Amino acid sequence: MDAQLHQRIDELVTEEHKLERAHVGEALSGAEQQRLADLGVALDRYWDLLRQRDARRHAGLDPDGATERSGDVVEGYRP
């Protein structure tokens, strides 16, 4: 499961970088800006799930008990 999450993160990061590089020096369209924002939220959700899995593993719990949280929850964290 962790390997699949890392693979998906890599795919999203690649898409994010491709979108950013395609518009160096020029503004993104509204749809592109929304896609970039959506990619950021998706990445945060996957990283959050990986952190949950790692924390559960370190606590001696089943990492498969971790649950994917909504973008609203994950984006609501403030360090």
Foldseek 3Di string as FASTA:
>chain_A
DLVVLVVVLVVLVVVLVVLCVVAVPHDDDPVSVVSNVVSVLVNLQSVVLVVQLVVCVVVVHHSVVGDGDDSVVSVPDDD
